[in-house]
Amino acid sequence: MLIAEIGLNHLGNKFLAKDYIDKLIDTYVEGITFQVREPEYYNTNPHLKLSNNDYIELINFIKKGNKKVGIAIADINSIDFFENLEVDFYKVIRNDITNNKLIERLVSTNKKIIVSTGTCSETIIQNFIKKFKSNNIVLNHTQLSYDIKDCNLSAINTLKSKFNINVSYGSHCDNHNVLYMALCYQPVDILFYVKRNSSFKYPDNKHAILLSDVDIISRNLKNLNMAIGTGNKKQMKIKIK
Protein backbone atom coordinates (compact mmCIF):
# COMPACT_ATOMS: atom_id res chain seq x y z
CA MET A 1 0.00 0.00 0.00
CA LEU A 2 1.22 3.47 -0.89
CA ILE A 3 0.49 5.75 2.08
CA ALA A 4 0.59 9.56 2.23
CA GLU A 5 1.03 10.86 5.75
CA ILE A 6 -0.57 14.21 6.51
CA GLY A 7 0.62 13.74 10.09
CA LEU A 8 0.26 17.10 11.83
CA ASN A 9 0.94 19.11 8.67
CA HIS A 10 -2.73 20.14 8.62
CA LEU A 11 -1.71 22.62 11.36
CA GLY A 12 -4.91 21.95 13.29
CA ASN A 13 -7.00 23.44 10.48
CA LYS A 14 -9.85 21.28 9.18
CA PHE A 15 -10.02 23.17 5.90
CA LEU A 16 -6.33 22.69 5.21
CA ALA A 17 -6.71 19.00 6.06
CA LYS A 18 -9.61 18.74 3.63
CA ASP A 19 -7.48 20.34 0.92
CA TYR A 20 -4.81 17.69 1.47
CA ILE A 21 -7.38 14.94 1.14
CA ASP A 22 -9.02 16.48 -1.92
CA LYS A 23 -5.70 16.54 -3.78
CA LEU A 24 -4.53 13.11 -2.58
CA ILE A 25 -7.76 11.45 -3.71
CA ASP A 26 -6.77 12.22 -7.30
CA THR A 27 -3.42 10.42 -7.02
CA TYR A 28 -2.25 6.79 -6.91
CA VAL A 29 -1.96 7.01 -3.13
CA GLU A 30 -3.95 4.19 -1.50
CA GLY A 31 -3.93 5.25 2.16
CA ILE A 32 -3.95 8.56 4.04
CA THR A 33 -2.92 9.02 7.67
CA PHE A 34 -3.30 11.61 10.40
CA GLN A 35 -1.18 11.69 13.54
CA VAL A 36 -2.82 11.81 16.97
CA ARG A 37 -0.37 12.59 19.72
CA GLU A 38 -0.58 12.12 23.50
CA PRO A 39 -2.49 14.78 25.50
CA GLU A 40 0.73 16.23 26.93
CA TYR A 41 1.91 17.08 23.43
CA TYR A 42 -1.19 19.16 22.72
CA ASN A 43 -0.80 21.00 26.02
CA THR A 44 2.20 22.73 24.47
CA ASN A 45 1.01 22.54 20.84
CA PRO A 46 -2.75 23.22 20.95
CA HIS A 47 -2.62 24.80 17.48
CA LEU A 48 -1.92 21.37 15.93
CA LYS A 49 -4.99 19.62 17.30
CA LEU A 50 -8.07 18.70 15.29
CA SER A 51 -11.39 18.19 17.08
CA ASN A 52 -13.31 14.93 17.13
CA ASN A 53 -15.93 16.51 14.88
CA ASP A 54 -13.16 17.44 12.45
CA TYR A 55 -11.97 13.84 12.32
CA ILE A 56 -15.50 12.55 11.74
CA GLU A 57 -15.88 14.82 8.73
CA LEU A 58 -12.39 14.24 7.36
CA ILE A 59 -12.43 10.45 7.70
CA ASN A 60 -15.79 10.28 5.95
CA PHE A 61 -14.33 12.43 3.19
CA ILE A 62 -11.39 10.03 2.76
CA LYS A 63 -13.68 7.01 2.64
CA LYS A 64 -15.87 8.63 0.00
CA GLY A 65 -12.71 9.07 -2.06
CA ASN A 66 -12.11 5.29 -1.85
CA LYS A 67 -8.86 5.60 0.08
CA LYS A 68 -7.84 3.71 3.22
CA VAL A 69 -7.72 5.67 6.49
CA GLY A 70 -4.88 5.27 8.97
CA ILE A 71 -4.20 6.88 12.34
CA ALA A 72 -0.65 7.22 13.66
CA ILE A 73 -1.61 7.16 17.30
CA ALA A 74 0.10 7.82 20.62
CA ASP A 75 -3.03 8.37 22.73
CA ILE A 76 -4.48 5.07 23.97
CA ASN A 77 -7.65 6.84 25.11
CA SER A 78 -8.48 7.87 21.54
CA ILE A 79 -8.51 4.34 20.11
CA ASP A 80 -12.18 3.67 20.93
CA PHE A 81 -13.17 6.88 19.13
CA PHE A 82 -11.33 5.90 15.96
CA GLU A 83 -12.61 2.36 16.16
CA ASN A 84 -16.15 3.77 16.08
CA LEU A 85 -15.16 5.60 12.90
CA GLU A 86 -13.96 2.29 11.43
CA VAL A 87 -10.48 3.39 10.42
CA ASP A 88 -8.60 0.82 8.36
CA PHE A 89 -5.20 0.68 10.06
CA TYR A 90 -3.01 2.19 12.76
CA LYS A 91 0.60 3.27 12.97
CA VAL A 92 2.74 3.19 16.11
CA ILE A 93 5.12 6.16 16.10
CA ARG A 94 8.42 7.22 17.66
CA ASN A 95 9.58 4.80 20.39
CA ASP A 96 6.12 3.50 21.28
CA ILE A 97 7.19 0.02 20.18
CA THR A 98 7.95 -0.43 23.90
CA ASN A 99 4.54 0.91 25.02
CA ASN A 100 2.97 -2.46 25.82
CA LYS A 101 -0.42 -1.09 26.89
CA LEU A 102 -0.82 0.85 23.66
CA ILE A 103 0.28 -2.10 21.52
CA GLU A 104 -2.00 -4.53 23.35
CA ARG A 105 -5.00 -2.26 22.82
CA LEU A 106 -4.22 -1.83 19.13
CA VAL A 107 -3.72 -5.58 18.63
CA SER A 108 -7.17 -6.15 20.15
CA THR A 109 -8.73 -4.12 17.29
CA ASN A 110 -7.62 -6.79 14.79
CA LYS A 111 -6.65 -3.98 12.42
CA LYS A 112 -3.38 -3.72 10.55
CA ILE A 113 -0.71 -2.09 12.75
CA ILE A 114 2.41 -0.52 11.24
CA VAL A 115 5.05 -0.28 13.97
CA SER A 116 7.90 2.21 13.58
CA THR A 117 11.41 0.93 14.30
CA GLY A 118 13.12 4.31 13.84
CA THR A 119 14.67 4.40 17.31
CA CYS A 120 15.13 0.64 17.77
CA SER A 121 17.97 -1.80 18.11
CA GLU A 122 17.50 -5.40 16.95
CA THR A 123 17.17 -6.42 20.60
CA ILE A 124 14.18 -4.11 21.10
CA ILE A 125 12.58 -5.42 17.92
CA GLN A 126 13.21 -9.03 18.94
CA ASN A 127 11.57 -8.47 22.33
CA PHE A 128 8.61 -6.84 20.60
CA ILE A 129 8.21 -9.74 18.17
CA LYS A 130 8.25 -12.26 21.02
CA LYS A 131 5.31 -10.46 22.65
CA PHE A 132 3.24 -9.29 19.74
CA LYS A 133 4.02 -11.03 16.47
CA SER A 134 0.80 -11.61 14.55
CA ASN A 135 -0.49 -11.51 10.99
CA ASN A 136 -1.73 -7.94 11.34
CA ILE A 137 1.57 -6.41 12.52
CA VAL A 138 4.01 -4.81 10.07
CA LEU A 139 7.45 -3.52 11.07
CA ASN A 140 8.14 -0.12 9.54
CA HIS A 141 11.80 0.40 8.70
CA THR A 142 12.56 4.09 8.99
CA GLN A 143 15.54 6.18 10.02
CA LEU A 144 14.98 9.48 11.80
CA SER A 145 17.51 11.25 9.61
CA TYR A 146 17.37 13.38 6.48
CA ASP A 147 20.76 12.09 5.33
CA ILE A 148 20.70 9.61 2.46
CA LYS A 149 23.68 7.76 3.96
CA ASP A 150 21.50 6.80 6.94
CA CYS A 151 18.64 5.23 4.96
CA ASN A 152 20.05 1.69 5.25
CA LEU A 153 17.44 0.22 2.90
CA SER A 154 19.12 -3.19 3.16
CA ALA A 155 17.66 -3.42 6.66
CA ILE A 156 14.27 -4.10 5.06
CA ASN A 157 15.51 -7.50 3.88
CA THR A 158 17.32 -8.10 7.19
CA LEU A 159 14.14 -7.54 9.18
CA LYS A 160 12.08 -9.71 6.85
CA SER A 161 14.49 -12.65 6.98
CA LYS A 162 15.43 -12.39 10.66
CA PHE A 163 11.93 -11.99 12.07
CA ASN A 164 9.83 -13.58 9.32
CA ILE A 165 7.43 -10.64 9.28
CA ASN A 166 6.11 -8.12 6.79
CA VAL A 167 8.16 -4.92 6.59
CA SER A 168 7.20 -1.50 5.27
CA TYR A 169 9.36 1.54 4.55
CA GLY A 170 8.78 5.03 5.89
CA SER A 171 10.99 7.76 4.47
CA HIS A 172 12.49 10.67 6.40
CA CYS A 173 15.14 11.32 3.76
CA ASP A 174 15.15 14.68 1.99
CA ASN A 175 16.12 12.95 -1.28
CA HIS A 176 12.80 11.58 -2.46
CA ASN A 177 14.41 9.33 -5.07
CA VAL A 178 15.06 6.96 -2.17
CA LEU A 179 11.41 5.96 -2.44
CA TYR A 180 12.09 4.46 -5.87
CA MET A 181 15.10 2.54 -4.56
CA ALA A 182 12.99 1.15 -1.72
CA LEU A 183 10.81 -0.66 -4.26
CA CYS A 184 13.68 -3.05 -4.97
CA TYR A 185 13.43 -4.36 -1.40
CA GLN A 186 9.70 -5.02 -1.83
CA PRO A 187 8.29 -3.49 1.35
CA VAL A 188 4.60 -4.23 1.84
CA ASP A 189 3.94 -0.50 2.24
CA ILE A 190 5.74 2.72 1.40
CA LEU A 191 4.94 5.73 3.58
CA PHE A 192 5.89 9.36 2.97
CA TYR A 193 4.87 12.68 4.51
CA VAL A 194 3.20 15.41 2.47
CA LYS A 195 3.04 19.20 2.75
CA ARG A 196 1.13 21.93 0.93
CA ASN A 197 3.93 24.33 0.01
CA SER A 198 7.64 24.97 0.44
CA SER A 199 7.42 28.40 2.07
CA PHE A 200 6.15 27.22 5.48
CA LYS A 201 7.96 25.19 8.13
CA TYR A 202 5.65 22.26 8.91
CA PRO A 203 5.98 19.82 11.83
CA ASP A 204 7.17 17.28 9.24
CA ASN A 205 8.87 19.52 6.76
CA LYS A 206 12.24 18.76 5.19
CA HIS A 207 11.38 15.18 4.27
CA ALA A 208 7.77 15.86 3.22
CA ILE A 209 6.74 15.78 -0.44
CA LEU A 210 4.89 18.73 -1.92
CA LEU A 211 1.27 17.97 -2.73
CA SER A 212 1.90 19.16 -6.26
CA ASP A 213 4.52 16.40 -6.68
CA VAL A 214 2.56 13.52 -5.16
CA ASP A 215 0.71 12.63 -8.36
CA ILE A 216 3.84 12.03 -10.43
CA ILE A 217 5.76 10.35 -7.59
CA SER A 218 2.90 8.00 -6.71
CA ARG A 219 2.38 7.26 -10.42
CA ASN A 220 6.07 6.44 -10.81
CA LEU A 221 6.06 4.21 -7.74
CA LYS A 222 3.11 2.25 -9.10
CA ASN A 223 4.64 1.86 -12.56
CA LEU A 224 8.19 1.11 -11.41
CA ASN A 225 6.93 -1.57 -9.07
CA MET A 226 6.05 -3.62 -12.16
CA ALA A 227 9.73 -3.69 -13.12
CA ILE A 228 10.64 -5.92 -10.15
CA GLY A 229 9.08 -9.00 -11.71
CA THR A 230 9.15 -12.56 -10.37
CA GLY A 231 12.89 -13.11 -10.33
CA ASN A 232 12.56 -16.15 -12.59
CA LYS A 233 14.73 -15.95 -15.71
CA LYS A 234 12.93 -17.46 -18.70
CA GLN A 235 13.04 -17.29 -22.45
CA MET A 236 10.79 -14.70 -24.04
CA LYS A 237 10.05 -13.30 -27.45
CA ILE A 238 11.83 -10.18 -28.62
CA LYS A 239 9.51 -7.21 -28.12
CA ILE A 240 11.91 -4.53 -29.33
CA LYS A 241 11.22 -3.44 -32.90
C-alpha atoms as a PDB file:
ATOM      1  CA  MET A   1       0.000   0.000   0.000  1.00  0.00           C
ATOM      2  CA  LEU A   2       1.216   3.467  -0.888  1.00  0.00           C
ATOM      3  CA  ILE A   3       0.485   5.750   2.079  1.00  0.00           C
ATOM      4  CA  ALA A   4       0.588   9.559   2.232  1.00  0.00           C
ATOM      5  CA  GLU A   5       1.028  10.864   5.754  1.00  0.00           C
ATOM      6  CA  ILE A   6      -0.566  14.212   6.509  1.00  0.00           C
ATOM      7  CA  GLY A   7       0.619  13.744  10.089  1.00  0.00           C
ATOM      8  CA  LEU A   8       0.262  17.104  11.827  1.00  0.00           C
ATOM      9  CA  ASN A   9       0.938  19.106   8.670  1.00  0.00           C
ATOM     10  CA  HIS A  10      -2.726  20.137   8.620  1.00  0.00           C
ATOM     11  CA  LEU A  11      -1.709  22.623  11.360  1.00  0.00           C
ATOM     12  CA  GLY A  12      -4.910  21.953  13.290  1.00  0.00           C
ATOM     13  CA  ASN A  13      -6.999  23.439  10.477  1.00  0.00           C
ATOM     14  CA  LYS A  14      -9.852  21.279   9.183  1.00  0.00           C
ATOM     15  CA  PHE A  15     -10.024  23.171   5.896  1.00  0.00           C
ATOM     16  CA  LEU A  16      -6.326  22.685   5.215  1.00  0.00           C
ATOM     17  CA  ALA A  17      -6.707  19.000   6.061  1.00  0.00           C
ATOM     18  CA  LYS A  18      -9.607  18.738   3.632  1.00  0.00           C
ATOM     19  CA  ASP A  19      -7.482  20.343   0.915  1.00  0.00           C
ATOM     20  CA  TYR A  20      -4.808  17.694   1.469  1.00  0.00           C
ATOM     21  CA  ILE A  21      -7.379  14.942   1.135  1.00  0.00           C
ATOM     22  CA  ASP A  22      -9.022  16.484  -1.919  1.00  0.00           C
ATOM     23  CA  LYS A  23      -5.705  16.536  -3.784  1.00  0.00           C
ATOM     24  CA  LEU A  24      -4.534  13.107  -2.576  1.00  0.00           C
ATOM     25  CA  ILE A  25      -7.760  11.449  -3.706  1.00  0.00           C
ATOM     26  CA  ASP A  26      -6.773  12.222  -7.303  1.00  0.00           C
ATOM     27  CA  THR A  27      -3.416  10.419  -7.017  1.00  0.00           C
ATOM     28  CA  TYR A  28      -2.255   6.795  -6.909  1.00  0.00           C
ATOM     29  CA  VAL A  29      -1.961   7.009  -3.129  1.00  0.00           C
ATOM     30  CA  GLU A  30      -3.954   4.192  -1.503  1.00  0.00           C
ATOM     31  CA  GLY A  31      -3.935   5.248   2.164  1.00  0.00           C
ATOM     32  CA  ILE A  32      -3.954   8.562   4.036  1.00  0.00           C
ATOM     33  CA  THR A  33      -2.921   9.022   7.670  1.00  0.00           C
ATOM     34  CA  PHE A  34      -3.297  11.610  10.399  1.00  0.00           C
ATOM     35  CA  GLN A  35      -1.181  11.694  13.538  1.00  0.00           C
ATOM     36  CA  VAL A  36      -2.820  11.808  16.967  1.00  0.00           C
ATOM     37  CA  ARG A  37      -0.366  12.586  19.722  1.00  0.00           C
ATOM     38  CA  GLU A  38      -0.577  12.118  23.498  1.00  0.00           C
ATOM     39  CA  PRO A  39      -2.493  14.782  25.499  1.00  0.00           C
ATOM     40  CA  GLU A  40       0.731  16.225  26.933  1.00  0.00           C
ATOM     41  CA  TYR A  41       1.908  17.084  23.429  1.00  0.00           C
ATOM     42  CA  TYR A  42      -1.190  19.159  22.725  1.00  0.00           C
ATOM     43  CA  ASN A  43      -0.805  20.997  26.021  1.00  0.00           C
ATOM     44  CA  THR A  44       2.199  22.734  24.474  1.00  0.00           C
ATOM     45  CA  ASN A  45       1.011  22.545  20.842  1.00  0.00           C
ATOM     46  CA  PRO A  46      -2.754  23.224  20.952  1.00  0.00           C
ATOM     47  CA  HIS A  47      -2.624  24.804  17.476  1.00  0.00           C
ATOM     48  CA  LEU A  48      -1.924  21.373  15.935  1.00  0.00           C
ATOM     49  CA  LYS A  49      -4.994  19.622  17.304  1.00  0.00           C
ATOM     50  CA  LEU A  50      -8.066  18.699  15.286  1.00  0.00           C
ATOM     51  CA  SER A  51     -11.386  18.195  17.078  1.00  0.00           C
ATOM     52  CA  ASN A  52     -13.311  14.931  17.125  1.00  0.00           C
ATOM     53  CA  ASN A  53     -15.929  16.510  14.881  1.00  0.00           C
ATOM     54  CA  ASP A  54     -13.163  17.435  12.446  1.00  0.00           C
ATOM     55  CA  TYR A  55     -11.970  13.836  12.321  1.00  0.00           C
ATOM     56  CA  ILE A  56     -15.495  12.553  11.744  1.00  0.00           C
ATOM     57  CA  GLU A  57     -15.885  14.823   8.728  1.00  0.00           C
ATOM     58  CA  LEU A  58     -12.388  14.240   7.357  1.00  0.00           C
ATOM     59  CA  ILE A  59     -12.427  10.455   7.699  1.00  0.00           C
ATOM     60  CA  ASN A  60     -15.791  10.276   5.950  1.00  0.00           C
ATOM     61  CA  PHE A  61     -14.326  12.426   3.187  1.00  0.00           C
ATOM     62  CA  ILE A  62     -11.386  10.034   2.756  1.00  0.00           C
ATOM     63  CA  LYS A  63     -13.677   7.009   2.641  1.00  0.00           C
ATOM     64  CA  LYS A  64     -15.875   8.634   0.000  1.00  0.00           C
ATOM     65  CA  GLY A  65     -12.706   9.075  -2.057  1.00  0.00           C
ATOM     66  CA  ASN A  66     -12.110   5.289  -1.846  1.00  0.00           C
ATOM     67  CA  LYS A  67      -8.861   5.604   0.082  1.00  0.00           C
ATOM     68  CA  LYS A  68      -7.843   3.711   3.222  1.00  0.00           C
ATOM     69  CA  VAL A  69      -7.725   5.672   6.489  1.00  0.00           C
ATOM     70  CA  GLY A  70      -4.882   5.273   8.971  1.00  0.00           C
ATOM     71  CA  ILE A  71      -4.199   6.883  12.339  1.00  0.00           C
ATOM     72  CA  ALA A  72      -0.647   7.222  13.657  1.00  0.00           C
ATOM     73  CA  ILE A  73      -1.606   7.158  17.302  1.00  0.00           C
ATOM     74  CA  ALA A  74       0.097   7.817  20.623  1.00  0.00           C
ATOM     75  CA  ASP A  75      -3.035   8.369  22.732  1.00  0.00           C
ATOM     76  CA  ILE A  76      -4.480   5.071  23.966  1.00  0.00           C
ATOM     77  CA  ASN A  77      -7.651   6.835  25.112  1.00  0.00           C
ATOM     78  CA  SER A  78      -8.478   7.866  21.542  1.00  0.00           C
ATOM     79  CA  ILE A  79      -8.509   4.345  20.111  1.00  0.00           C
ATOM     80  CA  ASP A  80     -12.181   3.674  20.929  1.00  0.00           C
ATOM     81  CA  PHE A  81     -13.172   6.875  19.129  1.00  0.00           C
ATOM     82  CA  PHE A  82     -11.335   5.905  15.956  1.00  0.00           C
ATOM     83  CA  GLU A  83     -12.611   2.358  16.161  1.00  0.00           C
ATOM     84  CA  ASN A  84     -16.145   3.774  16.084  1.00  0.00           C
ATOM     85  CA  LEU A  85     -15.163   5.603  12.901  1.00  0.00           C
ATOM     86  CA  GLU A  86     -13.962   2.292  11.430  1.00  0.00           C
ATOM     87  CA  VAL A  87     -10.481   3.391  10.415  1.00  0.00           C
ATOM     88  CA  ASP A  88      -8.600   0.824   8.359  1.00  0.00           C
ATOM     89  CA  PHE A  89      -5.197   0.680  10.056  1.00  0.00           C
ATOM     90  CA  TYR A  90      -3.010   2.193  12.757  1.00  0.00           C
ATOM     91  CA  LYS A  91       0.604   3.274  12.970  1.00  0.00           C
ATOM     92  CA  VAL A  92       2.744   3.191  16.107  1.00  0.00           C
ATOM     93  CA  ILE A  93       5.115   6.156  16.097  1.00  0.00           C
ATOM     94  CA  ARG A  94       8.424   7.221  17.664  1.00  0.00           C
ATOM     95  CA  ASN A  95       9.585   4.800  20.389  1.00  0.00           C
ATOM     96  CA  ASP A  96       6.119   3.498  21.278  1.00  0.00           C
ATOM     97  CA  ILE A  97       7.187   0.019  20.176  1.00  0.00           C
ATOM     98  CA  THR A  98       7.946  -0.425  23.897  1.00  0.00           C
ATOM     99  CA  ASN A  99       4.537   0.906  25.020  1.00  0.00           C
ATOM    100  CA  ASN A 100       2.971  -2.457  25.820  1.00  0.00           C
ATOM    101  CA  LYS A 101      -0.417  -1.088  26.887  1.00  0.00           C
ATOM    102  CA  LEU A 102      -0.822   0.847  23.657  1.00  0.00           C
ATOM    103  CA  ILE A 103       0.275  -2.099  21.517  1.00  0.00           C
ATOM    104  CA  GLU A 104      -2.001  -4.527  23.354  1.00  0.00           C
ATOM    105  CA  ARG A 105      -5.004  -2.258  22.821  1.00  0.00           C
ATOM    106  CA  LEU A 106      -4.216  -1.827  19.132  1.00  0.00           C
ATOM    107  CA  VAL A 107      -3.723  -5.576  18.633  1.00  0.00           C
ATOM    108  CA  SER A 108      -7.167  -6.147  20.149  1.00  0.00           C
ATOM    109  CA  THR A 109      -8.734  -4.124  17.295  1.00  0.00           C
ATOM    110  CA  ASN A 110      -7.620  -6.794  14.791  1.00  0.00           C
ATOM    111  CA  LYS A 111      -6.649  -3.977  12.422  1.00  0.00           C
ATOM    112  CA  LYS A 112      -3.377  -3.725  10.551  1.00  0.00           C
ATOM    113  CA  ILE A 113      -0.712  -2.086  12.750  1.00  0.00           C
ATOM    114  CA  ILE A 114       2.413  -0.515  11.238  1.00  0.00           C
ATOM    115  CA  VAL A 115       5.049  -0.277  13.967  1.00  0.00           C
ATOM    116  CA  SER A 116       7.898   2.211  13.584  1.00  0.00           C
ATOM    117  CA  THR A 117      11.406   0.931  14.297  1.00  0.00           C
ATOM    118  CA  GLY A 118      13.118   4.309  13.841  1.00  0.00           C
ATOM    119  CA  THR A 119      14.669   4.396  17.312  1.00  0.00           C
ATOM    120  CA  CYS A 120      15.133   0.643  17.768  1.00  0.00           C
ATOM    121  CA  SER A 121      17.974  -1.801  18.113  1.00  0.00           C
ATOM    122  CA  GLU A 122      17.496  -5.397  16.951  1.00  0.00           C
ATOM    123  CA  THR A 123      17.169  -6.417  20.604  1.00  0.00           C
ATOM    124  CA  ILE A 124      14.177  -4.112  21.101  1.00  0.00           C
ATOM    125  CA  ILE A 125      12.583  -5.424  17.921  1.00  0.00           C
ATOM    126  CA  GLN A 126      13.213  -9.029  18.939  1.00  0.00           C
ATOM    127  CA  ASN A 127      11.565  -8.467  22.330  1.00  0.00           C
ATOM    128  CA  PHE A 128       8.614  -6.840  20.601  1.00  0.00           C
ATOM    129  CA  ILE A 129       8.207  -9.737  18.175  1.00  0.00           C
ATOM    130  CA  LYS A 130       8.246 -12.260  21.023  1.00  0.00           C
ATOM    131  CA  LYS A 131       5.315 -10.460  22.651  1.00  0.00           C
ATOM    132  CA  PHE A 132       3.239  -9.291  19.740  1.00  0.00           C
ATOM    133  CA  LYS A 133       4.015 -11.031  16.469  1.00  0.00           C
ATOM    134  CA  SER A 134       0.796 -11.608  14.550  1.00  0.00           C
ATOM    135  CA  ASN A 135      -0.493 -11.509  10.988  1.00  0.00           C
ATOM    136  CA  ASN A 136      -1.730  -7.939  11.336  1.00  0.00           C
ATOM    137  CA  ILE A 137       1.574  -6.415  12.516  1.00  0.00           C
ATOM    138  CA  VAL A 138       4.015  -4.811  10.075  1.00  0.00           C
ATOM    139  CA  LEU A 139       7.454  -3.521  11.066  1.00  0.00           C
ATOM    140  CA  ASN A 140       8.141  -0.116   9.543  1.00  0.00           C
ATOM    141  CA  HIS A 141      11.799   0.402   8.705  1.00  0.00           C
ATOM    142  CA  THR A 142      12.559   4.094   8.993  1.00  0.00           C
ATOM    143  CA  GLN A 143      15.537   6.180  10.015  1.00  0.00           C
ATOM    144  CA  LEU A 144      14.982   9.484  11.797  1.00  0.00           C
ATOM    145  CA  SER A 145      17.505  11.254   9.615  1.00  0.00           C
ATOM    146  CA  TYR A 146      17.371  13.384   6.483  1.00  0.00           C
ATOM    147  CA  ASP A 147      20.761  12.089   5.335  1.00  0.00           C
ATOM    148  CA  ILE A 148      20.696   9.612   2.458  1.00  0.00           C
ATOM    149  CA  LYS A 149      23.679   7.758   3.965  1.00  0.00           C
ATOM    150  CA  ASP A 150      21.504   6.804   6.938  1.00  0.00           C
ATOM    151  CA  CYS A 151      18.645   5.234   4.959  1.00  0.00           C
ATOM    152  CA  ASN A 152      20.053   1.693   5.246  1.00  0.00           C
ATOM    153  CA  LEU A 153      17.444   0.224   2.901  1.00  0.00           C
ATOM    154  CA  SER A 154      19.116  -3.190   3.160  1.00  0.00           C
ATOM    155  CA  ALA A 155      17.661  -3.423   6.663  1.00  0.00           C
ATOM    156  CA  ILE A 156      14.273  -4.102   5.060  1.00  0.00           C
ATOM    157  CA  ASN A 157      15.515  -7.501   3.884  1.00  0.00           C
ATOM    158  CA  THR A 158      17.320  -8.102   7.186  1.00  0.00           C
ATOM    159  CA  LEU A 159      14.141  -7.537   9.184  1.00  0.00           C
ATOM    160  CA  LYS A 160      12.085  -9.713   6.854  1.00  0.00           C
ATOM    161  CA  SER A 161      14.486 -12.645   6.979  1.00  0.00           C
ATOM    162  CA  LYS A 162      15.435 -12.392  10.656  1.00  0.00           C
ATOM    163  CA  PHE A 163      11.931 -11.991  12.074  1.00  0.00           C
ATOM    164  CA  ASN A 164       9.830 -13.578   9.318  1.00  0.00           C
ATOM    165  CA  ILE A 165       7.432 -10.643   9.279  1.00  0.00           C
ATOM    166  CA  ASN A 166       6.107  -8.118   6.786  1.00  0.00           C
ATOM    167  CA  VAL A 167       8.159  -4.924   6.591  1.00  0.00           C
ATOM    168  CA  SER A 168       7.196  -1.499   5.269  1.00  0.00           C
ATOM    169  CA  TYR A 169       9.360   1.537   4.548  1.00  0.00           C
ATOM    170  CA  GLY A 170       8.777   5.034   5.888  1.00  0.00           C
ATOM    171  CA  SER A 171      10.992   7.756   4.472  1.00  0.00           C
ATOM    172  CA  HIS A 172      12.493  10.673   6.398  1.00  0.00           C
ATOM    173  CA  CYS A 173      15.141  11.320   3.758  1.00  0.00           C
ATOM    174  CA  ASP A 174      15.147  14.677   1.988  1.00  0.00           C
ATOM    175  CA  ASN A 175      16.122  12.947  -1.280  1.00  0.00           C
ATOM    176  CA  HIS A 176      12.801  11.581  -2.464  1.00  0.00           C
ATOM    177  CA  ASN A 177      14.410   9.326  -5.073  1.00  0.00           C
ATOM    178  CA  VAL A 178      15.064   6.962  -2.167  1.00  0.00           C
ATOM    179  CA  LEU A 179      11.408   5.956  -2.443  1.00  0.00           C
ATOM    180  CA  TYR A 180      12.085   4.463  -5.866  1.00  0.00           C
ATOM    181  CA  MET A 181      15.100   2.541  -4.562  1.00  0.00           C
ATOM    182  CA  ALA A 182      12.992   1.150  -1.720  1.00  0.00           C
ATOM    183  CA  LEU A 183      10.809  -0.655  -4.262  1.00  0.00           C
ATOM    184  CA  CYS A 184      13.680  -3.053  -4.970  1.00  0.00           C
ATOM    185  CA  TYR A 185      13.429  -4.357  -1.398  1.00  0.00           C
ATOM    186  CA  GLN A 186       9.697  -5.020  -1.828  1.00  0.00           C
ATOM    187  CA  PRO A 187       8.285  -3.488   1.350  1.00  0.00           C
ATOM    188  CA  VAL A 188       4.600  -4.232   1.839  1.00  0.00           C
ATOM    189  CA  ASP A 189       3.942  -0.499   2.237  1.00  0.00           C
ATOM    190  CA  ILE A 190       5.742   2.722   1.399  1.00  0.00           C
ATOM    191  CA  LEU A 191       4.941   5.732   3.576  1.00  0.00           C
ATOM    192  CA  PHE A 192       5.894   9.357   2.973  1.00  0.00           C
ATOM    193  CA  TYR A 193       4.867  12.683   4.505  1.00  0.00           C
ATOM    194  CA  VAL A 194       3.198  15.406   2.467  1.00  0.00           C
ATOM    195  CA  LYS A 195       3.036  19.204   2.750  1.00  0.00           C
ATOM    196  CA  ARG A 196       1.129  21.932   0.931  1.00  0.00           C
ATOM    197  CA  ASN A 197       3.931  24.334   0.008  1.00  0.00           C
ATOM    198  CA  SER A 198       7.642  24.968   0.435  1.00  0.00           C
ATOM    199  CA  SER A 199       7.416  28.401   2.071  1.00  0.00           C
ATOM    200  CA  PHE A 200       6.152  27.219   5.484  1.00  0.00           C
ATOM    201  CA  LYS A 201       7.962  25.185   8.132  1.00  0.00           C
ATOM    202  CA  TYR A 202       5.649  22.263   8.908  1.00  0.00           C
ATOM    203  CA  PRO A 203       5.980  19.815  11.832  1.00  0.00           C
ATOM    204  CA  ASP A 204       7.169  17.277   9.240  1.00  0.00           C
ATOM    205  CA  ASN A 205       8.870  19.524   6.757  1.00  0.00           C
ATOM    206  CA  LYS A 206      12.239  18.763   5.187  1.00  0.00           C
ATOM    207  CA  HIS A 207      11.377  15.178   4.268  1.00  0.00           C
ATOM    208  CA  ALA A 208       7.767  15.859   3.222  1.00  0.00           C
ATOM    209  CA  ILE A 209       6.738  15.777  -0.440  1.00  0.00           C
ATOM    210  CA  LEU A 210       4.892  18.728  -1.920  1.00  0.00           C
ATOM    211  CA  LEU A 211       1.269  17.966  -2.731  1.00  0.00           C
ATOM    212  CA  SER A 212       1.900  19.160  -6.265  1.00  0.00           C
ATOM    213  CA  ASP A 213       4.523  16.400  -6.677  1.00  0.00           C
ATOM    214  CA  VAL A 214       2.557  13.523  -5.158  1.00  0.00           C
ATOM    215  CA  ASP A 215       0.710  12.629  -8.359  1.00  0.00           C
ATOM    216  CA  ILE A 216       3.842  12.032 -10.434  1.00  0.00           C
ATOM    217  CA  ILE A 217       5.764  10.353  -7.594  1.00  0.00           C
ATOM    218  CA  SER A 218       2.899   8.003  -6.714  1.00  0.00           C
ATOM    219  CA  ARG A 219       2.378   7.263 -10.421  1.00  0.00           C
ATOM    220  CA  ASN A 220       6.069   6.441 -10.809  1.00  0.00           C
ATOM    221  CA  LEU A 221       6.056   4.212  -7.736  1.00  0.00           C
ATOM    222  CA  LYS A 222       3.106   2.250  -9.100  1.00  0.00           C
ATOM    223  CA  ASN A 223       4.641   1.865 -12.561  1.00  0.00           C
ATOM    224  CA  LEU A 224       8.192   1.114 -11.415  1.00  0.00           C
ATOM    225  CA  ASN A 225       6.928  -1.571  -9.067  1.00  0.00           C
ATOM    226  CA  MET A 226       6.050  -3.624 -12.165  1.00  0.00           C
ATOM    227  CA  ALA A 227       9.734  -3.689 -13.119  1.00  0.00           C
ATOM    228  CA  ILE A 228      10.641  -5.917 -10.152  1.00  0.00           C
ATOM    229  CA  GLY A 229       9.078  -8.999 -11.709  1.00  0.00           C
ATOM    230  CA  THR A 230       9.145 -12.557 -10.365  1.00  0.00           C
ATOM    231  CA  GLY A 231      12.894 -13.106 -10.327  1.00  0.00           C
ATOM    232  CA  ASN A 232      12.555 -16.150 -12.587  1.00  0.00           C
ATOM    233  CA  LYS A 233      14.730 -15.953 -15.706  1.00  0.00           C
ATOM    234  CA  LYS A 234      12.930 -17.461 -18.703  1.00  0.00           C
ATOM    235  CA  GLN A 235      13.036 -17.290 -22.450  1.00  0.00           C
ATOM    236  CA  MET A 236      10.791 -14.698 -24.036  1.00  0.00           C
ATOM    237  CA  LYS A 237      10.053 -13.303 -27.448  1.00  0.00           C
ATOM    238  CA  ILE A 238      11.834 -10.183 -28.619  1.00  0.00           C
ATOM    239  CA  LYS A 239       9.514  -7.207 -28.119  1.00  0.00           C
ATOM    240  CA  ILE A 240      11.906  -4.529 -29.329  1.00  0.00           C
ATOM    241  CA  LYS A 241      11.219  -3.439 -32.896  1.00  0.00           C
END
